């Protein structure tokens, strides 16, 4: 499933391959190992006295939801974490002033018994099958993912590379990202549950088409936001903790480059979720457009980048 890319490479080489559907794995990245080590220390301090991978044994679901949300906010806001992520990006040959990134996110997926019901909070839920582009309409988006502690095929997420060019029935046409963002802003991240936060598949697919991602801590994968993917139910006895973020190469967004849109129909494009890495400025401010704007072909022509194309 994976391709490799010698490092340092160039932003052009990497992104052309991402837009073509390749899933690129980076191994033995010293800056990534440094980020993993730093994050483990961060978690062990934040979750003390409990071991991070066993946290589900000690806290109720509601307690986990609150504590994980705090960890996620502190992690995303850490200038040290941001600096270490920039070190990784630059080690791959990408200049910080050419890239815009979404929030740096810690994903917690606690162990659950197969028949156990818990509320679908965004801080703890196993994420359902989707393409990121069903919600964002950002086809120049690259997803980055890495484990913080060791994972297995039963404690990870799965990619569906065989569906790269296959249109799938989905609910993106009715997905109102603007309303989701408004609720999250007013009432907090968990005001929108994990199922409300993404569009959904509306047809049956063979789950055997999914390929579990099983890479070692210190490794990193990059893939297009147009790739179908889903969380794997975790009944392994340990909480899965992983790192993820999304990015766009700014020049490619302006030029209209990116992965093919085979089945996305969402009405909004959410450029404002990204910030330029070099200075933290929101991408909509850099490009002089709205934080969120109508997507062309959805509900009328957009004025997005009208002065830059």
C-alpha atoms as a PDB file:
ATOM      1  CA  UNK A   1       0.000   0.000   0.000  1.00  0.00           C
ATOM      2  CA  UNK A   2       2.860   2.377   0.737  1.00  0.00           C
ATOM      3  CA  UNK A   3       5.263   4.237  -1.497  1.00  0.00           C
ATOM      4  CA  UNK A   4       8.574   5.631  -0.337  1.00  0.00           C
ATOM      5  CA  UNK A   5      10.223   8.957  -1.040  1.00  0.00           C
ATOM      6  CA  UNK A   6      13.867   9.801  -0.437  1.00  0.00           C
ATOM      7  CA  UNK A   7      14.347  12.737   1.919  1.00  0.00           C
ATOM      8  CA  UNK A   8      14.881  15.560   1.645  1.00  0.00           C
ATOM      9  CA  UNK A   9      12.717  15.709  -1.466  1.00  0.00           C
ATOM     10  CA  UNK A  10      10.822  18.676  -2.882  1.00  0.00           C
ATOM     11  CA  UNK A  11       7.320  19.910  -2.187  1.00  0.00           C
ATOM     12  CA  UNK A  12       6.493  19.433  -5.856  1.00  0.00           C
ATOM     13  CA  UNK A  13       7.559  15.785  -5.965  1.00  0.00           C
ATOM     14  CA  UNK A  14       5.699  14.941  -2.786  1.00  0.00           C
ATOM     15  CA  UNK A  15       2.449  16.667  -3.649  1.00  0.00           C
ATOM     16  CA  UNK A  16       2.253  15.429  -7.230  1.00  0.00           C
ATOM     17  CA  UNK A  17       2.441  11.888  -5.903  1.00  0.00           C
ATOM     18  CA  UNK A  18      -0.094  12.590  -3.155  1.00  0.00           C
ATOM     19  CA  UNK A  19      -2.554  14.016  -5.714  1.00  0.00           C
ATOM     20  CA  UNK A  20      -2.108  10.864  -7.812  1.00  0.00           C
ATOM     21  CA  UNK A  21      -3.280   8.747  -4.879  1.00  0.00           C
ATOM     22  CA  UNK A  22      -0.006   7.446  -3.493  1.00  0.00           C
ATOM     23  CA  UNK A  23       0.269   6.772   0.235  1.00  0.00           C
ATOM     24  CA  UNK A  24       3.793   7.735   1.197  1.00  0.00           C
ATOM     25  CA  UNK A  25       5.524   6.290   4.236  1.00  0.00           C
ATOM     26  CA  UNK A  26       8.517   7.963   5.842  1.00  0.00           C
ATOM     27  CA  UNK A  27      10.625   5.843   8.185  1.00  0.00           C
ATOM     28  CA  UNK A  28      13.580   6.609  10.415  1.00  0.00           C
ATOM     29  CA  UNK A  29      12.779  10.320  10.519  1.00  0.00           C
ATOM     30  CA  UNK A  30      14.769  11.719  13.428  1.00  0.00           C
ATOM     31  CA  UNK A  31      12.529  14.822  13.801  1.00  0.00           C
ATOM     32  CA  UNK A  32       9.477  12.524  13.958  1.00  0.00           C
ATOM     33  CA  UNK A  33      11.135  10.387  16.639  1.00  0.00           C
ATOM     34  CA  UNK A  34      11.858  13.580  18.559  1.00  0.00           C
ATOM     35  CA  UNK A  35       8.193  14.616  18.323  1.00  0.00           C
ATOM     36  CA  UNK A  36       7.056  11.172  19.516  1.00  0.00           C
ATOM     37  CA  UNK A  37       9.393  11.296  22.520  1.00  0.00           C
ATOM     38  CA  UNK A  38       8.288  14.818  23.416  1.00  0.00           C
ATOM     39  CA  UNK A  39       4.600  13.874  23.074  1.00  0.00           C
ATOM     40  CA  UNK A  40       4.994  10.821  25.302  1.00  0.00           C
ATOM     41  CA  UNK A  41       6.502  13.002  28.017  1.00  0.00           C
ATOM     42  CA  UNK A  42       3.677  15.513  27.538  1.00  0.00           C
ATOM     43  CA  UNK A  43       1.061  12.751  27.896  1.00  0.00           C
ATOM     44  CA  UNK A  44       2.691  11.076  30.869  1.00  0.00           C
ATOM     45  CA  UNK A  45       2.711  14.412  32.674  1.00  0.00           C
ATOM     46  CA  UNK A  46      -0.846  15.331  31.638  1.00  0.00           C
ATOM     47  CA  UNK A  47      -2.345  11.932  32.543  1.00  0.00           C
ATOM     48  CA  UNK A  48      -0.294  11.226  35.676  1.00  0.00           C
ATOM     49  CA  UNK A  49      -0.601   9.008  37.678  1.00  0.00           C
ATOM     50  CA  UNK A  50      -2.099   6.744  35.016  1.00  0.00           C
ATOM     51  CA  UNK A  51      -0.170   5.208  32.083  1.00  0.00           C
ATOM     52  CA  UNK A  52      -1.533   6.841  28.912  1.00  0.00           C
ATOM     53  CA  UNK A  53      -2.321   3.589  27.097  1.00  0.00           C
ATOM     54  CA  UNK A  54      -4.265   2.302  30.133  1.00  0.00           C
ATOM     55  CA  UNK A  55      -6.172   5.482  30.897  1.00  0.00           C
ATOM     56  CA  UNK A  56      -9.535   3.875  29.991  1.00  0.00           C
ATOM     57  CA  UNK A  57      -9.167   1.540  32.980  1.00  0.00           C
ATOM     58  CA  UNK A  58      -9.124   4.411  35.443  1.00  0.00           C
ATOM     59  CA  UNK A  59     -11.582   7.030  34.147  1.00  0.00           C
ATOM     60  CA  UNK A  60     -15.229   6.935  33.140  1.00  0.00           C
ATOM     61  CA  UNK A  61     -16.144   7.840  29.584  1.00  0.00           C
ATOM     62  CA  UNK A  62     -17.285  11.329  30.619  1.00  0.00           C
ATOM     63  CA  UNK A  63     -14.038  11.872  32.534  1.00  0.00           C
ATOM     64  CA  UNK A  64     -12.029  10.724  29.527  1.00  0.00           C
ATOM     65  CA  UNK A  65     -13.921  13.110  27.293  1.00  0.00           C
ATOM     66  CA  UNK A  66     -13.056  16.116  29.452  1.00  0.00           C
ATOM     67  CA  UNK A  67      -9.430  15.174  30.055  1.00  0.00           C
ATOM     68  CA  UNK A  68      -8.698  14.231  26.447  1.00  0.00           C
ATOM     69  CA  UNK A  69     -10.203  17.508  25.226  1.00  0.00           C
ATOM     70  CA  UNK A  70      -7.866  19.412  27.528  1.00  0.00           C
ATOM     71  CA  UNK A  71      -4.876  17.385  26.321  1.00  0.00           C
ATOM     72  CA  UNK A  72      -5.846  18.031  22.707  1.00  0.00           C
ATOM     73  CA  UNK A  73      -6.169  21.770  23.256  1.00  0.00           C
ATOM     74  CA  UNK A  74      -2.891  22.005  25.157  1.00  0.00           C
ATOM     75  CA  UNK A  75      -1.112  19.930  22.507  1.00  0.00           C
ATOM     76  CA  UNK A  76      -2.486  21.982  19.613  1.00  0.00           C
ATOM     77  CA  UNK A  77      -1.551  25.239  21.333  1.00  0.00           C
ATOM     78  CA  UNK A  78       1.982  24.224  22.296  1.00  0.00           C
ATOM     79  CA  UNK A  79       4.623  26.318  20.543  1.00  0.00           C
ATOM     80  CA  UNK A  80       7.132  23.524  21.219  1.00  0.00           C
ATOM     81  CA  UNK A  81       4.939  20.978  19.436  1.00  0.00           C
ATOM     82  CA  UNK A  82       4.436  23.390  16.542  1.00  0.00           C
ATOM     83  CA  UNK A  83       8.178  23.963  16.267  1.00  0.00           C
ATOM     84  CA  UNK A  84       8.882  20.236  16.231  1.00  0.00           C
ATOM     85  CA  UNK A  85       6.241  19.666  13.546  1.00  0.00           C
ATOM     86  CA  UNK A  86       7.856  22.404  11.465  1.00  0.00           C
ATOM     87  CA  UNK A  87      11.199  20.611  11.857  1.00  0.00           C
ATOM     88  CA  UNK A  88       9.590  17.497  10.364  1.00  0.00           C
ATOM     89  CA  UNK A  89       8.082  19.384   7.435  1.00  0.00           C
ATOM     90  CA  UNK A  90      11.327  21.157   6.638  1.00  0.00           C
ATOM     91  CA  UNK A  91      13.250  17.879   6.830  1.00  0.00           C
ATOM     92  CA  UNK A  92      11.053  16.672   3.961  1.00  0.00           C
ATOM     93  CA  UNK A  93      12.088  19.627   1.791  1.00  0.00           C
ATOM     94  CA  UNK A  94       8.988  21.808   2.294  1.00  0.00           C
ATOM     95  CA  UNK A  95       9.464  25.484   3.183  1.00  0.00           C
ATOM     96  CA  UNK A  96       7.326  26.717   6.088  1.00  0.00           C
ATOM     97  CA  UNK A  97       6.114  29.792   4.204  1.00  0.00           C
ATOM     98  CA  UNK A  98       4.680  27.647   1.374  1.00  0.00           C
ATOM     99  CA  UNK A  99       2.517  25.375   3.556  1.00  0.00           C
ATOM    100  CA  UNK A 100      -0.628  25.918   5.610  1.00  0.00           C
ATOM    101  CA  UNK A 101      -1.641  23.424   8.308  1.00  0.00           C
ATOM    102  CA  UNK A 102      -4.780  22.554  10.195  1.00  0.00           C
ATOM    103  CA  UNK A 103      -4.771  22.032  13.964  1.00  0.00           C
ATOM    104  CA  UNK A 104      -2.152  19.575  15.273  1.00  0.00           C
ATOM    105  CA  UNK A 105      -4.323  16.848  16.730  1.00  0.00           C
ATOM    106  CA  UNK A 106      -3.872  14.044  19.241  1.00  0.00           C
ATOM    107  CA  UNK A 107      -6.319  11.215  18.589  1.00  0.00           C
ATOM    108  CA  UNK A 108      -7.446   9.104  21.551  1.00  0.00           C
ATOM    109  CA  UNK A 109      -9.236   5.833  20.816  1.00  0.00           C
ATOM    110  CA  UNK A 110      -9.862   3.979  24.087  1.00  0.00           C
ATOM    111  CA  UNK A 111     -10.346   0.231  24.308  1.00  0.00           C
ATOM    112  CA  UNK A 112     -13.987  -0.805  24.100  1.00  0.00           C
ATOM    113  CA  UNK A 113     -15.551  -4.225  24.424  1.00  0.00           C
ATOM    114  CA  UNK A 114     -17.173  -5.233  21.107  1.00  0.00           C
ATOM    115  CA  UNK A 115     -20.713  -4.953  22.525  1.00  0.00           C
ATOM    116  CA  UNK A 116     -20.059  -1.897  24.713  1.00  0.00           C
ATOM    117  CA  UNK A 117     -22.086   1.235  23.994  1.00  0.00           C
ATOM    118  CA  UNK A 118     -20.608   4.655  24.683  1.00  0.00           C
ATOM    119  CA  UNK A 119     -21.646   8.107  23.460  1.00  0.00           C
ATOM    120  CA  UNK A 120     -20.021   9.153  20.178  1.00  0.00           C
ATOM    121  CA  UNK A 121     -17.934  12.013  21.580  1.00  0.00           C
ATOM    122  CA  UNK A 122     -15.403  13.444  19.121  1.00  0.00           C
ATOM    123  CA  UNK A 123     -12.588  13.066  21.654  1.00  0.00           C
ATOM    124  CA  UNK A 124     -13.044   9.286  22.058  1.00  0.00           C
ATOM    125  CA  UNK A 125     -15.049   7.836  19.155  1.00  0.00           C
ATOM    126  CA  UNK A 126     -13.825   5.497  16.444  1.00  0.00           C
ATOM    127  CA  UNK A 127     -14.235   7.626  13.333  1.00  0.00           C
ATOM    128  CA  UNK A 128     -16.612   6.327  10.667  1.00  0.00           C
ATOM    129  CA  UNK A 129     -15.787   5.733   6.993  1.00  0.00           C
ATOM    130  CA  UNK A 130     -15.359   8.957   5.010  1.00  0.00           C
ATOM    131  CA  UNK A 131     -13.213  11.034   2.722  1.00  0.00           C
ATOM    132  CA  UNK A 132     -12.068  14.315   4.293  1.00  0.00           C
ATOM    133  CA  UNK A 133     -12.906  16.079   1.042  1.00  0.00           C
ATOM    134  CA  UNK A 134     -16.596  15.182   1.455  1.00  0.00           C
ATOM    135  CA  UNK A 135     -16.673  17.868   4.141  1.00  0.00           C
ATOM    136  CA  UNK A 136     -13.878  20.311   3.305  1.00  0.00           C
ATOM    137  CA  UNK A 137     -13.809  20.471  -0.520  1.00  0.00           C
ATOM    138  CA  UNK A 138     -10.053  21.037  -0.255  1.00  0.00           C
ATOM    139  CA  UNK A 139      -8.650  18.750  -2.954  1.00  0.00           C
ATOM    140  CA  UNK A 140      -5.100  19.995  -2.409  1.00  0.00           C
ATOM    141  CA  UNK A 141      -5.277  18.651   1.151  1.00  0.00           C
ATOM    142  CA  UNK A 142      -2.631  16.241   2.433  1.00  0.00           C
ATOM    143  CA  UNK A 143      -3.298  14.179   5.551  1.00  0.00           C
ATOM    144  CA  UNK A 144      -0.427  13.299   7.891  1.00  0.00           C
ATOM    145  CA  UNK A 145      -0.669  10.498  10.463  1.00  0.00           C
ATOM    146  CA  UNK A 146       1.702   8.863  12.958  1.00  0.00           C
ATOM    147  CA  UNK A 147       1.381   6.646  16.041  1.00  0.00           C
ATOM    148  CA  UNK A 148       2.680   7.936  19.361  1.00  0.00           C
ATOM    149  CA  UNK A 149       2.699   4.501  21.022  1.00  0.00           C
ATOM    150  CA  UNK A 150       2.922   1.127  19.222  1.00  0.00           C
ATOM    151  CA  UNK A 151      -0.152   0.109  17.284  1.00  0.00           C
ATOM    152  CA  UNK A 152      -1.480  -3.126  15.800  1.00  0.00           C
ATOM    153  CA  UNK A 153      -3.896  -3.968  13.003  1.00  0.00           C
ATOM    154  CA  UNK A 154      -6.613  -3.902  15.664  1.00  0.00           C
ATOM    155  CA  UNK A 155      -5.624  -0.534  17.146  1.00  0.00           C
ATOM    156  CA  UNK A 156      -5.298   1.846  14.213  1.00  0.00           C
ATOM    157  CA  UNK A 157      -7.251   3.130  11.222  1.00  0.00           C
ATOM    158  CA  UNK A 158      -7.712   1.667   7.745  1.00  0.00           C
ATOM    159  CA  UNK A 159      -7.254   3.124   4.278  1.00  0.00           C
ATOM    160  CA  UNK A 160      -9.213   2.022   1.205  1.00  0.00           C
ATOM    161  CA  UNK A 161      -6.848   2.697  -1.719  1.00  0.00           C
ATOM    162  CA  UNK A 162      -8.944   0.553  -4.079  1.00  0.00           C
ATOM    163  CA  UNK A 163     -11.732   3.162  -3.813  1.00  0.00           C
ATOM    164  CA  UNK A 164      -9.533   6.085  -4.898  1.00  0.00           C
ATOM    165  CA  UNK A 165     -11.338   6.620  -8.201  1.00  0.00           C
ATOM    166  CA  UNK A 166     -14.627   4.877  -7.405  1.00  0.00           C
ATOM    167  CA  UNK A 167     -17.589   7.220  -6.813  1.00  0.00           C
ATOM    168  CA  UNK A 168     -19.475   6.320  -3.654  1.00  0.00           C
ATOM    169  CA  UNK A 169     -22.939   7.352  -2.534  1.00  0.00           C
ATOM    170  CA  UNK A 170     -22.549   9.708   0.412  1.00  0.00           C
ATOM    171  CA  UNK A 171     -24.272  12.470   2.367  1.00  0.00           C
ATOM    172  CA  UNK A 172     -21.874  15.302   1.477  1.00  0.00           C
ATOM    173  CA  UNK A 173     -24.529  17.291  -0.428  1.00  0.00           C
ATOM    174  CA  UNK A 174     -26.446  17.781   2.825  1.00  0.00           C
ATOM    175  CA  UNK A 175     -23.404  18.389   5.030  1.00  0.00           C
ATOM    176  CA  UNK A 176     -23.432  21.897   6.487  1.00  0.00           C
ATOM    177  CA  UNK A 177     -19.871  22.628   7.593  1.00  0.00           C
ATOM    178  CA  UNK A 178     -20.773  26.209   8.453  1.00  0.00           C
ATOM    179  CA  UNK A 179     -23.346  25.094  11.021  1.00  0.00           C
ATOM    180  CA  UNK A 180     -20.923  22.516  12.464  1.00  0.00           C
ATOM    181  CA  UNK A 181     -18.211  25.143  12.934  1.00  0.00           C
ATOM    182  CA  UNK A 182     -20.650  27.588  14.527  1.00  0.00           C
ATOM    183  CA  UNK A 183     -21.803  25.018  17.097  1.00  0.00           C
ATOM    184  CA  UNK A 184     -18.238  23.958  17.911  1.00  0.00           C
ATOM    185  CA  UNK A 185     -17.156  27.567  18.333  1.00  0.00           C
ATOM    186  CA  UNK A 186     -20.067  28.444  20.618  1.00  0.00           C
ATOM    187  CA  UNK A 187     -20.305  25.293  22.720  1.00  0.00           C
ATOM    188  CA  UNK A 188     -16.978  23.428  22.412  1.00  0.00           C
ATOM    189  CA  UNK A 189     -15.674  20.592  20.299  1.00  0.00           C
ATOM    190  CA  UNK A 190     -17.838  17.911  21.924  1.00  0.00           C
ATOM    191  CA  UNK A 191     -21.039  19.866  21.224  1.00  0.00           C
ATOM    192  CA  UNK A 192     -20.880  18.138  17.836  1.00  0.00           C
ATOM    193  CA  UNK A 193     -20.574  14.367  18.119  1.00  0.00           C
ATOM    194  CA  UNK A 194     -18.335  12.230  15.936  1.00  0.00           C
ATOM    195  CA  UNK A 195     -21.129  11.233  13.567  1.00  0.00           C
ATOM    196  CA  UNK A 196     -22.399  14.776  13.035  1.00  0.00           C
ATOM    197  CA  UNK A 197     -18.879  16.044  12.336  1.00  0.00           C
ATOM    198  CA  UNK A 198     -18.424  14.243   9.009  1.00  0.00           C
ATOM    199  CA  UNK A 199     -20.500  13.229   5.982  1.00  0.00           C
ATOM    200  CA  UNK A 200     -21.308   9.525   5.718  1.00  0.00           C
ATOM    201  CA  UNK A 201     -21.269   6.644   3.280  1.00  0.00           C
ATOM    202  CA  UNK A 202     -24.737   5.750   1.960  1.00  0.00           C
ATOM    203  CA  UNK A 203     -23.968   2.404   0.348  1.00  0.00           C
ATOM    204  CA  UNK A 204     -22.495  -0.900   1.429  1.00  0.00           C
ATOM    205  CA  UNK A 205     -18.846  -1.650   0.775  1.00  0.00           C
ATOM    206  CA  UNK A 206     -16.811  -4.732   1.557  1.00  0.00           C
ATOM    207  CA  UNK A 207     -14.911  -3.985   4.795  1.00  0.00           C
ATOM    208  CA  UNK A 208     -12.183  -6.323   3.560  1.00  0.00           C
ATOM    209  CA  UNK A 209     -11.194  -3.588   1.112  1.00  0.00           C
ATOM    210  CA  UNK A 210      -9.792  -1.633   4.049  1.00  0.00           C
ATOM    211  CA  UNK A 211      -6.080  -2.046   4.766  1.00  0.00           C
ATOM    212  CA  UNK A 212      -5.043  -1.424   8.365  1.00  0.00           C
ATOM    213  CA  UNK A 213      -2.190   1.035   8.840  1.00  0.00           C
ATOM    214  CA  UNK A 214       0.467  -0.648  10.973  1.00  0.00           C
ATOM    215  CA  UNK A 215       3.632   1.443  11.251  1.00  0.00           C
ATOM    216  CA  UNK A 216       6.121   1.933  14.067  1.00  0.00           C
ATOM    217  CA  UNK A 217       6.363   5.064  16.226  1.00  0.00           C
ATOM    218  CA  UNK A 218       8.817   7.392  14.527  1.00  0.00           C
ATOM    219  CA  UNK A 219       7.291   6.650  11.130  1.00  0.00           C
ATOM    220  CA  UNK A 220       4.869   8.979   9.346  1.00  0.00           C
ATOM    221  CA  UNK A 221       2.469   8.557   6.441  1.00  0.00           C
ATOM    222  CA  UNK A 222       1.107  11.189   4.064  1.00  0.00           C
ATOM    223  CA  UNK A 223      -1.944  10.685   1.865  1.00  0.00           C
ATOM    224  CA  UNK A 224      -4.574  12.726   0.084  1.00  0.00           C
ATOM    225  CA  UNK A 225      -7.635  13.894   1.985  1.00  0.00           C
ATOM    226  CA  UNK A 226      -9.593  12.366  -0.907  1.00  0.00           C
ATOM    227  CA  UNK A 227      -8.617   8.844   0.188  1.00  0.00           C
ATOM    228  CA  UNK A 228     -11.401   6.886   1.886  1.00  0.00           C
ATOM    229  CA  UNK A 229     -10.497   5.843   5.415  1.00  0.00           C
ATOM    230  CA  UNK A 230     -12.072   4.785   8.725  1.00  0.00           C
ATOM    231  CA  UNK A 231     -11.096   3.954  12.287  1.00  0.00           C
ATOM    232  CA  UNK A 232     -10.682   0.300  13.237  1.00  0.00           C
ATOM    233  CA  UNK A 233     -12.690  -0.718  16.302  1.00  0.00           C
ATOM    234  CA  UNK A 234     -10.289  -1.017  19.234  1.00  0.00           C
ATOM    235  CA  UNK A 235     -10.763  -4.005  21.536  1.00  0.00           C
ATOM    236  CA  UNK A 236      -7.063  -4.627  22.137  1.00  0.00           C
ATOM    237  CA  UNK A 237      -6.896  -3.692  25.811  1.00  0.00           C
ATOM    238  CA  UNK A 238      -4.938  -0.473  25.207  1.00  0.00           C
ATOM    239  CA  UNK A 239      -5.906   3.060  24.238  1.00  0.00           C
ATOM    240  CA  UNK A 240      -4.632   4.109  20.836  1.00  0.00           C
ATOM    241  CA  UNK A 241      -2.959   7.534  20.834  1.00  0.00           C
ATOM    242  CA  UNK A 242      -1.848   8.961  17.509  1.00  0.00           C
ATOM    243  CA  UNK A 243      -0.885  12.246  15.895  1.00  0.00           C
ATOM    244  CA  UNK A 244      -2.559  13.744  12.849  1.00  0.00           C
ATOM    245  CA  UNK A 245      -2.889  16.946  10.934  1.00  0.00           C
ATOM    246  CA  UNK A 246      -3.795  18.205   7.480  1.00  0.00           C
ATOM    247  CA  UNK A 247      -1.976  20.631   5.214  1.00  0.00           C
ATOM    248  CA  UNK A 248      -2.227  22.398   1.876  1.00  0.00           C
ATOM    249  CA  UNK A 249       0.517  23.679  -0.386  1.00  0.00           C
ATOM    250  CA  UNK A 250      -0.627  27.275  -0.763  1.00  0.00           C
ATOM    251  CA  UNK A 251       0.427  27.724  -4.384  1.00  0.00           C
ATOM    252  CA  UNK A 252      -1.434  24.558  -5.371  1.00  0.00           C
ATOM    253  CA  UNK A 253      -4.639  25.749  -3.751  1.00  0.00           C
ATOM    254  CA  UNK A 254      -4.379  29.014  -5.676  1.00  0.00           C
ATOM    255  CA  UNK A 255      -3.650  27.153  -8.934  1.00  0.00           C
ATOM    256  CA  UNK A 256      -6.510  24.699  -8.456  1.00  0.00           C
ATOM    257  CA  UNK A 257      -4.231  21.658  -8.259  1.00  0.00           C
ATOM    258  CA  UNK A 258      -5.098  18.623  -6.199  1.00  0.00           C
ATOM    259  CA  UNK A 259      -6.650  15.183  -6.166  1.00  0.00           C
ATOM    260  CA  UNK A 260      -9.630  14.350  -8.387  1.00  0.00           C
ATOM    261  CA  UNK A 261     -13.114  14.922  -7.003  1.00  0.00           C
ATOM    262  CA  UNK A 262     -14.955  11.698  -7.768  1.00  0.00           C
ATOM    263  CA  UNK A 263     -17.976  12.037  -5.466  1.00  0.00           C
ATOM    264  CA  UNK A 264     -17.894  15.175  -3.288  1.00  0.00           C
ATOM    265  CA  UNK A 265     -20.944  17.472  -3.279  1.00  0.00           C
ATOM    266  CA  UNK A 266     -20.584  19.548  -0.106  1.00  0.00           C
ATOM    267  CA  UNK A 267     -21.754  23.184  -0.342  1.00  0.00           C
ATOM    268  CA  UNK A 268     -18.816  24.802   1.489  1.00  0.00           C
ATOM    269  CA  UNK A 269     -15.055  25.183   1.173  1.00  0.00           C
ATOM    270  CA  UNK A 270     -13.242  25.687   4.476  1.00  0.00           C
ATOM    271  CA  UNK A 271      -9.976  27.478   3.769  1.00  0.00           C
ATOM    272  CA  UNK A 272      -9.915  29.240   7.146  1.00  0.00           C
ATOM    273  CA  UNK A 273      -9.206  26.016   9.032  1.00  0.00           C
ATOM    274  CA  UNK A 274      -5.595  26.233   7.838  1.00  0.00           C
ATOM    275  CA  UNK A 275      -2.815  28.537   9.042  1.00  0.00           C
ATOM    276  CA  UNK A 276       0.422  29.373   7.256  1.00  0.00           C
ATOM    277  CA  UNK A 277       3.156  27.492   9.032  1.00  0.00           C
ATOM    278  CA  UNK A 278       5.739  30.265   8.964  1.00  0.00           C
ATOM    279  CA  UNK A 279       3.683  32.857  10.854  1.00  0.00           C
ATOM    280  CA  UNK A 280       0.415  31.239  11.995  1.00  0.00           C
ATOM    281  CA  UNK A 281      -1.688  33.556   9.858  1.00  0.00           C
ATOM    282  CA  UNK A 282      -5.035  32.108   8.775  1.00  0.00           C
ATOM    283  CA  UNK A 283      -5.050  31.070   5.145  1.00  0.00           C
ATOM    284  CA  UNK A 284      -8.213  33.005   4.331  1.00  0.00           C
ATOM    285  CA  UNK A 285      -6.399  36.177   5.460  1.00  0.00           C
ATOM    286  CA  UNK A 286      -3.349  35.305   3.355  1.00  0.00           C
ATOM    287  CA  UNK A 287      -5.574  34.744   0.305  1.00  0.00           C
ATOM    288  CA  UNK A 288      -8.055  37.549   1.047  1.00  0.00           C
ATOM    289  CA  UNK A 289     -11.121  35.320   0.998  1.00  0.00           C
ATOM    290  CA  UNK A 290     -13.731  34.144   3.494  1.00  0.00           C
ATOM    291  CA  UNK A 291     -13.026  31.703   6.326  1.00  0.00           C
ATOM    292  CA  UNK A 292     -15.665  29.495   4.722  1.00  0.00           C
ATOM    293  CA  UNK A 293     -17.154  30.102   1.289  1.00  0.00           C
ATOM    294  CA  UNK A 294     -19.654  28.496  -1.075  1.00  0.00           C
ATOM    295  CA  UNK A 295     -18.058  25.805  -3.191  1.00  0.00           C
ATOM    296  CA  UNK A 296     -18.319  26.276  -6.980  1.00  0.00           C
ATOM    297  CA  UNK A 297     -21.066  24.147  -8.434  1.00  0.00           C
ATOM    298  CA  UNK A 298     -22.754  23.560  -5.081  1.00  0.00           C
ATOM    299  CA  UNK A 299     -24.939  26.606  -4.477  1.00  0.00           C
ATOM    300  CA  UNK A 300     -23.792  29.123  -7.026  1.00  0.00           C
ATOM    301  CA  UNK A 301     -20.431  30.348  -8.168  1.00  0.00           C
ATOM    302  CA  UNK A 302     -17.932  31.174  -5.460  1.00  0.00           C
ATOM    303  CA  UNK A 303     -15.817  34.277  -5.376  1.00  0.00           C
ATOM    304  CA  UNK A 304     -12.994  32.264  -3.836  1.00  0.00           C
ATOM    305  CA  UNK A 305      -9.640  33.589  -5.007  1.00  0.00           C
ATOM    306  CA  UNK A 306     -11.351  35.628  -7.679  1.00  0.00           C
ATOM    307  CA  UNK A 307      -8.518  38.133  -7.672  1.00  0.00           C
ATOM    308  CA  UNK A 308      -5.775  35.516  -7.711  1.00  0.00           C
ATOM    309  CA  UNK A 309      -6.698  33.173 -10.548  1.00  0.00           C
END
